[in-house]
Amino acid sequence: HVITKRLLRQPLGDLMEATRHIATGNFAHRVPVRKADE
């Protein structure tokens, strides 16, 4: 649980933040690509 939370929290949080920006019309916002995994 701790490892999954640590590994998934930041990337999923980034995607959620970017989704909020896109939903409000801010298409310039980009998600940081931190790793070359899924």
PDB file of all heavy atoms in Angstrom:
ATOM      1  N   HIS A   1       0.832  -1.211   0.000  1.00  0.00           N
ATOM      2  CA  HIS A   1       0.000   0.000   0.000  1.00  0.00           C
ATOM      3  C   HIS A   1       0.865   1.258   0.000  1.00  0.00           C
ATOM      4  O   HIS A   1       0.613   2.196  -0.756  1.00  0.00           O
ATOM      5  CB  HIS A   1      -0.920  -0.024   1.221  1.00  0.00           C
ATOM      6  CG  HIS A   1      -1.769   1.194   1.361  1.00  0.00           C
ATOM      7  ND1 HIS A   1      -2.817   1.462   0.527  1.00  0.00           N
ATOM      8  CD2 HIS A   1      -1.708   2.236   2.229  1.00  0.00           C
ATOM      9  CE1 HIS A   1      -3.373   2.607   0.873  1.00  0.00           C
ATOM     10  NE2 HIS A   1      -2.717   3.104   1.909  1.00  0.00           N
ATOM     11  N   VAL A   2       1.890   1.268   0.845  1.00  0.00           N
ATOM     12  CA  VAL A   2       2.779   2.439   0.925  1.00  0.00           C
ATOM     13  C   VAL A   2       3.515   2.637  -0.395  1.00  0.00           C
ATOM     14  O   VAL A   2       3.590   3.755  -0.924  1.00  0.00           O
ATOM     15  CB  VAL A   2       3.771   2.281   2.097  1.00  0.00           C
ATOM     16  CG1 VAL A   2       4.886   3.309   2.019  1.00  0.00           C
ATOM     17  CG2 VAL A   2       3.036   2.394   3.421  1.00  0.00           C
ATOM     18  N   ILE A   3       4.047   1.557  -0.954  1.00  0.00           N
ATOM     19  CA  ILE A   3       4.793   1.661  -2.212  1.00  0.00           C
ATOM     20  C   ILE A   3       3.874   2.100  -3.337  1.00  0.00           C
ATOM     21  O   ILE A   3       4.206   3.000  -4.118  1.00  0.00           O
ATOM     22  CB  ILE A   3       5.486   0.323  -2.537  1.00  0.00           C
ATOM     23  CG1 ILE A   3       6.641   0.092  -1.559  1.00  0.00           C
ATOM     24  CG2 ILE A   3       5.988   0.301  -3.974  1.00  0.00           C
ATOM     25  CD1 ILE A   3       7.277  -1.275  -1.664  1.00  0.00           C
ATOM     26  N   THR A   4       2.702   1.494  -3.420  1.00  0.00           N
ATOM     27  CA  THR A   4       1.754   1.855  -4.471  1.00  0.00           C
ATOM     28  C   THR A   4       1.331   3.307  -4.334  1.00  0.00           C
ATOM     29  O   THR A   4       1.263   4.037  -5.322  1.00  0.00           O
ATOM     30  CB  THR A   4       0.524   0.933  -4.409  1.00  0.00           C
ATOM     31  OG1 THR A   4       0.955  -0.408  -4.572  1.00  0.00           O
ATOM     32  CG2 THR A   4      -0.467   1.273  -5.492  1.00  0.00           C
ATOM     33  N   LYS A   5       1.078   3.719  -3.112  1.00  0.00           N
ATOM     34  CA  LYS A   5       0.668   5.099  -2.884  1.00  0.00           C
ATOM     35  C   LYS A   5       1.769   6.064  -3.320  1.00  0.00           C
ATOM     36  O   LYS A   5       1.514   7.069  -3.965  1.00  0.00           O
ATOM     37  CB  LYS A   5       0.355   5.281  -1.396  1.00  0.00           C
ATOM     38  CG  LYS A   5      -0.509   6.433  -1.070  1.00  0.00           C
ATOM     39  CD  LYS A   5      -0.883   6.369   0.398  1.00  0.00           C
ATOM     40  CE  LYS A   5      -1.898   7.425   0.726  1.00  0.00           C
ATOM     41  NZ  LYS A   5      -2.278   7.382   2.134  1.00  0.00           N
ATOM     42  N   ARG A   6       3.000   5.731  -2.970  1.00  0.00           N
ATOM     43  CA  ARG A   6       4.124   6.603  -3.310  1.00  0.00           C
ATOM     44  C   ARG A   6       4.358   6.619  -4.825  1.00  0.00           C
ATOM     45  O   ARG A   6       4.642   7.660  -5.404  1.00  0.00           O
ATOM     46  CB  ARG A   6       5.381   6.128  -2.596  1.00  0.00           C
ATOM     47  CG  ARG A   6       6.574   7.022  -2.855  1.00  0.00           C
ATOM     48  CD  ARG A   6       7.721   6.684  -1.978  1.00  0.00           C
ATOM     49  NE  ARG A   6       7.396   7.062  -0.606  1.00  0.00           N
ATOM     50  CZ  ARG A   6       8.013   6.603   0.449  1.00  0.00           C
ATOM     51  NH1 ARG A   6       8.989   5.757   0.321  1.00  0.00           N
ATOM     52  NH2 ARG A   6       7.661   6.984   1.658  1.00  0.00           N
ATOM     53  N   LEU A   7       4.234   5.455  -5.478  1.00  0.00           N
ATOM     54  CA  LEU A   7       4.506   5.372  -6.907  1.00  0.00           C
ATOM     55  C   LEU A   7       3.379   5.949  -7.752  1.00  0.00           C
ATOM     56  O   LEU A   7       3.621   6.453  -8.843  1.00  0.00           O
ATOM     57  CB  LEU A   7       4.751   3.912  -7.320  1.00  0.00           C
ATOM     58  CG  LEU A   7       6.037   3.268  -6.816  1.00  0.00           C
ATOM     59  CD1 LEU A   7       6.077   1.803  -7.215  1.00  0.00           C
ATOM     60  CD2 LEU A   7       7.252   3.997  -7.346  1.00  0.00           C
ATOM     61  N   LEU A   8       2.148   5.857  -7.264  1.00  0.00           N
ATOM     62  CA  LEU A   8       1.006   6.273  -8.076  1.00  0.00           C
ATOM     63  C   LEU A   8       0.476   7.662  -7.733  1.00  0.00           C
ATOM     64  O   LEU A   8      -0.136   8.302  -8.581  1.00  0.00           O
ATOM     65  CB  LEU A   8      -0.135   5.261  -7.930  1.00  0.00           C
ATOM     66  CG  LEU A   8       0.131   3.860  -8.467  1.00  0.00           C
ATOM     67  CD1 LEU A   8      -1.064   2.966  -8.214  1.00  0.00           C
ATOM     68  CD2 LEU A   8       0.447   3.909  -9.943  1.00  0.00           C
ATOM     69  N   ARG A   9       0.691   8.118  -6.508  1.00  0.00           N
ATOM     70  CA  ARG A   9       0.073   9.377  -6.086  1.00  0.00           C
ATOM     71  C   ARG A   9       0.490  10.548  -6.973  1.00  0.00           C
ATOM     72  O   ARG A   9      -0.348  11.286  -7.479  1.00  0.00           O
ATOM     73  CB  ARG A   9       0.423   9.685  -4.635  1.00  0.00           C
ATOM     74  CG  ARG A   9      -0.196  11.016  -4.198  1.00  0.00           C
ATOM     75  CD  ARG A   9       0.207  11.433  -2.831  1.00  0.00           C
ATOM     76  NE  ARG A   9      -0.255  10.461  -1.866  1.00  0.00           N
ATOM     77  CZ  ARG A   9       0.163  10.417  -0.619  1.00  0.00           C
ATOM     78  NH1 ARG A   9       1.038  11.289  -0.190  1.00  0.00           N
ATOM     79  NH2 ARG A   9      -0.296   9.520   0.206  1.00  0.00           N
ATOM     80  N   GLN A  10       1.787  10.743  -7.174  1.00  0.00           N
ATOM     81  CA  GLN A  10       2.260  11.904  -7.942  1.00  0.00           C
ATOM     82  C   GLN A  10       1.812  11.846  -9.405  1.00  0.00           C
ATOM     83  O   GLN A  10       1.239  12.819  -9.887  1.00  0.00           O
ATOM     84  CB  GLN A  10       3.790  12.001  -7.837  1.00  0.00           C
ATOM     85  CG  GLN A  10       4.343  13.238  -8.511  1.00  0.00           C
ATOM     86  CD  GLN A  10       3.942  14.514  -7.795  1.00  0.00           C
ATOM     87  OE1 GLN A  10       3.988  14.578  -6.585  1.00  0.00           O
ATOM     88  NE2 GLN A  10       3.532  15.514  -8.541  1.00  0.00           N
ATOM     89  N   PRO A  11       2.030  10.727 -10.131  1.00  0.00           N
ATOM     90  CA  PRO A  11       1.602  10.714 -11.532  1.00  0.00           C
ATOM     91  C   PRO A  11       0.086  10.864 -11.699  1.00  0.00           C
ATOM     92  O   PRO A  11      -0.376  11.589 -12.581  1.00  0.00           O
ATOM     93  CB  PRO A  11       2.062   9.345 -12.048  1.00  0.00           C
ATOM     94  CG  PRO A  11       3.121   8.908 -11.106  1.00  0.00           C
ATOM     95  CD  PRO A  11       2.809   9.528  -9.795  1.00  0.00           C
ATOM     96  N   LEU A  12      -0.682  10.219 -10.841  1.00  0.00           N
ATOM     97  CA  LEU A  12      -2.137  10.349 -10.958  1.00  0.00           C
ATOM     98  C   LEU A  12      -2.588  11.751 -10.544  1.00  0.00           C
ATOM     99  O   LEU A  12      -3.525  12.294 -11.136  1.00  0.00           O
ATOM    100  CB  LEU A  12      -2.839   9.285 -10.116  1.00  0.00           C
ATOM    101  CG  LEU A  12      -2.677   7.857 -10.635  1.00  0.00           C
ATOM    102  CD1 LEU A  12      -3.381   6.870  -9.712  1.00  0.00           C
ATOM    103  CD2 LEU A  12      -3.185   7.716 -12.055  1.00  0.00           C
ATOM    104  N   GLY A  13      -1.932  12.327  -9.565  1.00  0.00           N
ATOM    105  CA  GLY A  13      -2.240  13.711  -9.195  1.00  0.00           C
ATOM    106  C   GLY A  13      -1.942  14.673 -10.337  1.00  0.00           C
ATOM    107  O   GLY A  13      -2.709  15.602 -10.592  1.00  0.00           O
ATOM    108  N   ASP A  14      -0.821  14.432 -11.030  1.00  0.00           N
ATOM    109  CA  ASP A  14      -0.477  15.257 -12.200  1.00  0.00           C
ATOM    110  C   ASP A  14      -1.552  15.148 -13.275  1.00  0.00           C
ATOM    111  O   ASP A  14      -1.964  16.152 -13.877  1.00  0.00           O
ATOM    112  CB  ASP A  14       0.867  14.829 -12.787  1.00  0.00           C
ATOM    113  CG  ASP A  14       2.037  15.166 -11.882  1.00  0.00           C
ATOM    114  OD1 ASP A  14       1.880  16.000 -10.971  1.00  0.00           O
ATOM    115  OD2 ASP A  14       3.122  14.572 -12.100  1.00  0.00           O
ATOM    116  N   LEU A  15      -2.016  13.925 -13.523  1.00  0.00           N
ATOM    117  CA  LEU A  15      -3.055  13.725 -14.542  1.00  0.00           C
ATOM    118  C   LEU A  15      -4.375  14.380 -14.132  1.00  0.00           C
ATOM    119  O   LEU A  15      -5.072  14.965 -14.971  1.00  0.00           O
ATOM    120  CB  LEU A  15      -3.264  12.234 -14.810  1.00  0.00           C
ATOM    121  CG  LEU A  15      -2.213  11.584 -15.691  1.00  0.00           C
ATOM    122  CD1 LEU A  15      -2.345  10.068 -15.660  1.00  0.00           C
ATOM    123  CD2 LEU A  15      -2.323  12.084 -17.119  1.00  0.00           C
ATOM    124  N   MET A  16      -4.718  14.284 -12.838  1.00  0.00           N
ATOM    125  CA  MET A  16      -5.952  14.925 -12.367  1.00  0.00           C
ATOM    126  C   MET A  16      -5.867  16.448 -12.533  1.00  0.00           C
ATOM    127  O   MET A  16      -6.822  17.083 -12.976  1.00  0.00           O
ATOM    128  CB  MET A  16      -6.201  14.574 -10.887  1.00  0.00           C
ATOM    129  CG  MET A  16      -6.662  13.156 -10.661  1.00  0.00           C
ATOM    130  SD  MET A  16      -8.244  12.808 -11.447  1.00  0.00           S
ATOM    131  CE  MET A  16      -9.313  13.903 -10.558  1.00  0.00           C
ATOM    132  N   GLU A  17      -4.716  17.012 -12.189  1.00  0.00           N
ATOM    133  CA  GLU A  17      -4.523  18.459 -12.330  1.00  0.00           C
ATOM    134  C   GLU A  17      -4.631  18.869 -13.805  1.00  0.00           C
ATOM    135  O   GLU A  17      -5.280  19.869 -14.143  1.00  0.00           O
ATOM    136  CB  GLU A  17      -3.164  18.865 -11.752  1.00  0.00           C
ATOM    137  CG  GLU A  17      -2.867  20.340 -11.838  1.00  0.00           C
ATOM    138  CD  GLU A  17      -3.773  21.187 -10.965  1.00  0.00           C
ATOM    139  OE1 GLU A  17      -4.402  20.661 -10.032  1.00  0.00           O
ATOM    140  OE2 GLU A  17      -3.850  22.393 -11.235  1.00  0.00           O
ATOM    141  N   ALA A  18      -4.004  18.120 -14.674  1.00  0.00           N
ATOM    142  CA  ALA A  18      -4.058  18.433 -16.111  1.00  0.00           C
ATOM    143  C   ALA A  18      -5.480  18.300 -16.640  1.00  0.00           C
ATOM    144  O   ALA A  18      -5.910  19.107 -17.477  1.00  0.00           O
ATOM    145  CB  ALA A  18      -3.117  17.509 -16.876  1.00  0.00           C
ATOM    146  N   THR A  19      -6.215  17.325 -16.150  1.00  0.00           N
ATOM    147  CA  THR A  19      -7.607  17.147 -16.577  1.00  0.00           C
ATOM    148  C   THR A  19      -8.440  18.362 -16.188  1.00  0.00           C
ATOM    149  O   THR A  19      -9.274  18.830 -16.970  1.00  0.00           O
ATOM    150  CB  THR A  19      -8.196  15.864 -15.952  1.00  0.00           C
ATOM    151  OG1 THR A  19      -7.397  14.759 -16.352  1.00  0.00           O
ATOM    152  CG2 THR A  19      -9.623  15.637 -16.390  1.00  0.00           C
ATOM    153  N   ARG A  20      -8.198  18.888 -14.985  1.00  0.00           N
ATOM    154  CA  ARG A  20      -8.916  20.102 -14.558  1.00  0.00           C
ATOM    155  C   ARG A  20      -8.597  21.276 -15.499  1.00  0.00           C
ATOM    156  O   ARG A  20      -9.480  22.050 -15.860  1.00  0.00           O
ATOM    157  CB  ARG A  20      -8.538  20.468 -13.123  1.00  0.00           C
ATOM    158  CG  ARG A  20      -9.224  19.641 -12.065  1.00  0.00           C
ATOM    159  CD  ARG A  20      -9.002  20.255 -10.675  1.00  0.00           C
ATOM    160  NE  ARG A  20      -8.896  19.319  -9.605  1.00  0.00           N
ATOM    161  CZ  ARG A  20      -7.908  18.456  -9.366  1.00  0.00           C
ATOM    162  NH1 ARG A  20      -6.896  18.377 -10.166  1.00  0.00           N
ATOM    163  NH2 ARG A  20      -7.906  17.660  -8.333  1.00  0.00           N
ATOM    164  N   HIS A  21      -7.326  21.408 -15.877  1.00  0.00           N
ATOM    165  CA  HIS A  21      -6.940  22.505 -16.781  1.00  0.00           C
ATOM    166  C   HIS A  21      -7.620  22.348 -18.139  1.00  0.00           C
ATOM    167  O   HIS A  21      -8.151  23.317 -18.685  1.00  0.00           O
ATOM    168  CB  HIS A  21      -5.422  22.529 -16.964  1.00  0.00           C
ATOM    169  CG  HIS A  21      -4.697  23.161 -15.825  1.00  0.00           C
ATOM    170  ND1 HIS A  21      -4.493  24.508 -15.720  1.00  0.00           N
ATOM    171  CD2 HIS A  21      -4.132  22.613 -14.712  1.00  0.00           C
ATOM    172  CE1 HIS A  21      -3.833  24.785 -14.612  1.00  0.00           C
ATOM    173  NE2 HIS A  21      -3.605  23.647 -13.977  1.00  0.00           N
ATOM    174  N   ILE A  22      -7.591  21.139 -18.696  1.00  0.00           N
ATOM    175  CA  ILE A  22      -8.205  20.895 -20.000  1.00  0.00           C
ATOM    176  C   ILE A  22      -9.711  21.162 -19.924  1.00  0.00           C
ATOM    177  O   ILE A  22     -10.294  21.745 -20.837  1.00  0.00           O
ATOM    178  CB  ILE A  22      -7.928  19.447 -20.477  1.00  0.00           C
ATOM    179  CG1 ILE A  22      -6.430  19.220 -20.676  1.00  0.00           C
ATOM    180  CG2 ILE A  22      -8.696  19.120 -21.750  1.00  0.00           C
ATOM    181  CD1 ILE A  22      -5.794  20.037 -21.761  1.00  0.00           C
ATOM    182  N   ALA A  23     -10.341  20.732 -18.821  1.00  0.00           N
ATOM    183  CA  ALA A  23     -11.786  20.922 -18.675  1.00  0.00           C
ATOM    184  C   ALA A  23     -12.173  22.392 -18.651  1.00  0.00           C
ATOM    185  O   ALA A  23     -13.285  22.750 -19.051  1.00  0.00           O
ATOM    186  CB  ALA A  23     -12.276  20.233 -17.395  1.00  0.00           C
ATOM    187  N   THR A  24     -11.257  23.262 -18.205  1.00  0.00           N
ATOM    188  CA  THR A  24     -11.556  24.688 -18.169  1.00  0.00           C
ATOM    189  C   THR A  24     -11.063  25.423 -19.421  1.00  0.00           C
ATOM    190  O   THR A  24     -11.137  26.640 -19.484  1.00  0.00           O
ATOM    191  CB  THR A  24     -10.938  25.350 -16.919  1.00  0.00           C
ATOM    192  OG1 THR A  24      -9.524  25.173 -16.952  1.00  0.00           O
ATOM    193  CG2 THR A  24     -11.521  24.766 -15.643  1.00  0.00           C
ATOM    194  N   GLY A  25     -10.527  24.668 -20.379  1.00  0.00           N
ATOM    195  CA  GLY A  25     -10.108  25.280 -21.642  1.00  0.00           C
ATOM    196  C   GLY A  25      -8.646  25.654 -21.714  1.00  0.00           C
ATOM    197  O   GLY A  25      -8.214  26.251 -22.698  1.00  0.00           O
ATOM    198  N   ASN A  26      -7.864  25.318 -20.704  1.00  0.00           N
ATOM    199  CA  ASN A  26      -6.428  25.619 -20.729  1.00  0.00           C
ATOM    200  C   ASN A  26      -5.697  24.453 -21.399  1.00  0.00           C
ATOM    201  O   ASN A  26      -5.223  23.539 -20.737  1.00  0.00           O
ATOM    202  CB  ASN A  26      -5.904  25.831 -19.305  1.00  0.00           C
ATOM    203  CG  ASN A  26      -4.413  26.100 -19.276  1.00  0.00           C
ATOM    204  OD1 ASN A  26      -3.772  26.262 -20.315  1.00  0.00           O
ATOM    205  ND2 ASN A  26      -3.854  26.132 -18.094  1.00  0.00           N
ATOM    206  N   PHE A  27      -5.614  24.508 -22.717  1.00  0.00           N
ATOM    207  CA  PHE A  27      -4.991  23.420 -23.476  1.00  0.00           C
ATOM    208  C   PHE A  27      -3.472  23.526 -23.508  1.00  0.00           C
ATOM    209  O   PHE A  27      -2.802  22.645 -24.031  1.00  0.00           O
ATOM    210  CB  PHE A  27      -5.536  23.392 -24.909  1.00  0.00           C
ATOM    211  CG  PHE A  27      -7.011  23.115 -24.953  1.00  0.00           C
ATOM    212  CD1 PHE A  27      -7.911  24.125 -25.211  1.00  0.00           C
ATOM    213  CD2 PHE A  27      -7.491  21.846 -24.709  1.00  0.00           C
ATOM    214  CE1 PHE A  27      -9.270  23.877 -25.243  1.00  0.00           C
ATOM    215  CE2 PHE A  27      -8.847  21.589 -24.731  1.00  0.00           C
ATOM    216  CZ  PHE A  27      -9.746  22.603 -24.999  1.00  0.00           C
ATOM    217  N   ALA A  28      -2.911  24.561 -22.925  1.00  0.00           N
ATOM    218  CA  ALA A  28      -1.453  24.716 -22.894  1.00  0.00           C
ATOM    219  C   ALA A  28      -0.823  23.921 -21.753  1.00  0.00           C
ATOM    220  O   ALA A  28       0.380  23.676 -21.767  1.00  0.00           O
ATOM    221  CB  ALA A  28      -1.096  26.188 -22.749  1.00  0.00           C
ATOM    222  N   HIS A  29      -1.629  23.508 -20.773  1.00  0.00           N
ATOM    223  CA  HIS A  29      -1.086  22.771 -19.624  1.00  0.00           C
ATOM    224  C   HIS A  29      -0.615  21.384 -20.064  1.00  0.00           C
ATOM    225  O   HIS A  29      -1.279  20.712 -20.826  1.00  0.00           O
ATOM    226  CB  HIS A  29      -2.151  22.631 -18.531  1.00  0.00           C
ATOM    227  CG  HIS A  29      -1.609  22.020 -17.282  1.00  0.00           C
ATOM    228  ND1 HIS A  29      -0.909  22.740 -16.358  1.00  0.00           N
ATOM    229  CD2 HIS A  29      -1.644  20.756 -16.821  1.00  0.00           C
ATOM    230  CE1 HIS A  29      -0.544  21.957 -15.375  1.00  0.00           C
ATOM    231  NE2 HIS A  29      -0.988  20.740 -15.624  1.00  0.00           N
ATOM    232  N   ARG A  30       0.558  20.978 -19.580  1.00  0.00           N
ATOM    233  CA  ARG A  30       1.116  19.665 -19.910  1.00  0.00           C
ATOM    234  C   ARG A  30       1.400  18.884 -18.635  1.00  0.00           C
ATOM    235  O   ARG A  30       1.702  19.462 -17.588  1.00  0.00           O
ATOM    236  CB  ARG A  30       2.413  19.792 -20.718  1.00  0.00           C
ATOM    237  CG  ARG A  30       2.210  20.429 -22.083  1.00  0.00           C
ATOM    238  CD  ARG A  30       1.357  19.531 -22.986  1.00  0.00           C
ATOM    239  NE  ARG A  30       1.150  20.100 -24.292  1.00  0.00           N
ATOM    240  CZ  ARG A  30       0.055  20.747 -24.676  1.00  0.00           C
ATOM    241  NH1 ARG A  30      -0.915  20.958 -23.826  1.00  0.00           N
ATOM    242  NH2 ARG A  30      -0.068  21.203 -25.895  1.00  0.00           N
ATOM    243  N   VAL A  31       1.328  17.571 -18.751  1.00  0.00           N
ATOM    244  CA  VAL A  31       1.631  16.674 -17.632  1.00  0.00           C
ATOM    245  C   VAL A  31       3.128  16.377 -17.670  1.00  0.00           C
ATOM    246  O   VAL A  31       3.650  16.004 -18.724  1.00  0.00           O
ATOM    247  CB  VAL A  31       0.846  15.343 -17.765  1.00  0.00           C
ATOM    248  CG1 VAL A  31       1.182  14.396 -16.628  1.00  0.00           C
ATOM    249  CG2 VAL A  31      -0.639  15.605 -17.830  1.00  0.00           C
ATOM    250  N   PRO A  32       3.823  16.517 -16.534  1.00  0.00           N
ATOM    251  CA  PRO A  32       5.245  16.152 -16.548  1.00  0.00           C
ATOM    252  C   PRO A  32       5.406  14.643 -16.726  1.00  0.00           C
ATOM    253  O   PRO A  32       4.730  13.866 -16.062  1.00  0.00           O
ATOM    254  CB  PRO A  32       5.758  16.597 -15.172  1.00  0.00           C
ATOM    255  CG  PRO A  32       4.566  16.927 -14.352  1.00  0.00           C
ATOM    256  CD  PRO A  32       3.398  17.071 -15.256  1.00  0.00           C
ATOM    257  N   VAL A  33       6.274  14.242 -17.650  1.00  0.00           N
ATOM    258  CA  VAL A  33       6.546  12.827 -17.881  1.00  0.00           C
ATOM    259  C   VAL A  33       7.769  12.491 -17.033  1.00  0.00           C
ATOM    260  O   VAL A  33       8.880  12.892 -17.349  1.00  0.00           O
ATOM    261  CB  VAL A  33       6.795  12.537 -19.379  1.00  0.00           C
ATOM    262  CG1 VAL A  33       7.100  11.069 -19.600  1.00  0.00           C
ATOM    263  CG2 VAL A  33       5.598  12.983 -20.204  1.00  0.00           C
ATOM    264  N   ARG A  34       7.542  11.743 -15.944  1.00  0.00           N
ATOM    265  CA  ARG A  34       8.602  11.478 -14.974  1.00  0.00           C
ATOM    266  C   ARG A  34       9.377  10.196 -15.265  1.00  0.00           C
ATOM    267  O   ARG A  34      10.549  10.089 -14.931  1.00  0.00           O
ATOM    268  CB  ARG A  34       8.016  11.403 -13.568  1.00  0.00           C
ATOM    269  CG  ARG A  34       7.318  12.692 -13.165  1.00  0.00           C
ATOM    270  CD  ARG A  34       6.747  12.598 -11.757  1.00  0.00           C
ATOM    271  NE  ARG A  34       5.862  13.698 -11.453  1.00  0.00           N
ATOM    272  CZ  ARG A  34       6.255  14.916 -11.141  1.00  0.00           C
ATOM    273  NH1 ARG A  34       7.513  15.210 -11.117  1.00  0.00           N
ATOM    274  NH2 ARG A  34       5.378  15.857 -10.871  1.00  0.00           N
ATOM    275  N   LYS A  35       8.704   9.204 -15.834  1.00  0.00           N
ATOM    276  CA  LYS A  35       9.343   7.913 -16.105  1.00  0.00           C
ATOM    277  C   LYS A  35       8.862   7.396 -17.445  1.00  0.00           C
ATOM    278  O   LYS A  35       7.891   7.881 -18.006  1.00  0.00           O
ATOM    279  CB  LYS A  35       8.993   6.896 -15.016  1.00  0.00           C
ATOM    280  CG  LYS A  35       9.561   7.249 -13.656  1.00  0.00           C
ATOM    281  CD  LYS A  35       9.231   6.163 -12.649  1.00  0.00           C
ATOM    282  CE  LYS A  35       9.783   6.532 -11.286  1.00  0.00           C
ATOM    283  NZ  LYS A  35       9.450   5.544 -10.284  1.00  0.00           N
ATOM    284  N   ALA A  36       9.541   6.365 -17.926  1.00  0.00           N
ATOM    285  CA  ALA A  36       9.158   5.772 -19.213  1.00  0.00           C
ATOM    286  C   ALA A  36       8.313   4.519 -19.011  1.00  0.00           C
ATOM    287  O   ALA A  36       8.272   3.652 -19.858  1.00  0.00           O
ATOM    288  CB  ALA A  36      10.407   5.431 -20.020  1.00  0.00           C
ATOM    289  N   ASP A  37       7.584   4.437 -17.884  1.00  0.00           N
ATOM    290  CA  ASP A  37       6.735   3.284 -17.621  1.00  0.00           C
ATOM    291  C   ASP A  37       5.330   3.544 -18.169  1.00  0.00           C
ATOM    292  O   ASP A  37       5.121   4.466 -18.955  1.00  0.00           O
ATOM    293  CB  ASP A  37       6.712   2.968 -16.122  1.00  0.00           C
ATOM    294  CG  ASP A  37       6.198   4.156 -15.293  1.00  0.00           C
ATOM    295  OD1 ASP A  37       5.880   5.206 -15.878  1.00  0.00           O
ATOM    296  OD2 ASP A  37       6.123   4.006 -14.056  1.00  0.00           O
ATOM    297  N   GLU A  38       4.364   2.726 -17.750  1.00  0.00           N
ATOM    298  CA  GLU A  38       2.997   2.865 -18.253  1.00  0.00           C
ATOM    299  C   GLU A  38       2.412   4.235 -17.911  1.00  0.00           C
ATOM    300  O   GLU A  38       1.733   4.845 -18.736  1.00  0.00           O
ATOM    301  CB  GLU A  38       2.090   1.760 -17.667  1.00  0.00           C
ATOM    302  CG  GLU A  38       2.351   0.390 -18.217  1.00  0.00           C
ATOM    303  CD  GLU A  38       3.509  -0.314 -17.519  1.00  0.00           C
ATOM    304  OE1 GLU A  38       4.063   0.237 -16.544  1.00  0.00           O
ATOM    305  OE2 GLU A  38       3.882  -1.408 -17.976  1.00  0.00           O
TER     306      GLU A  38
END
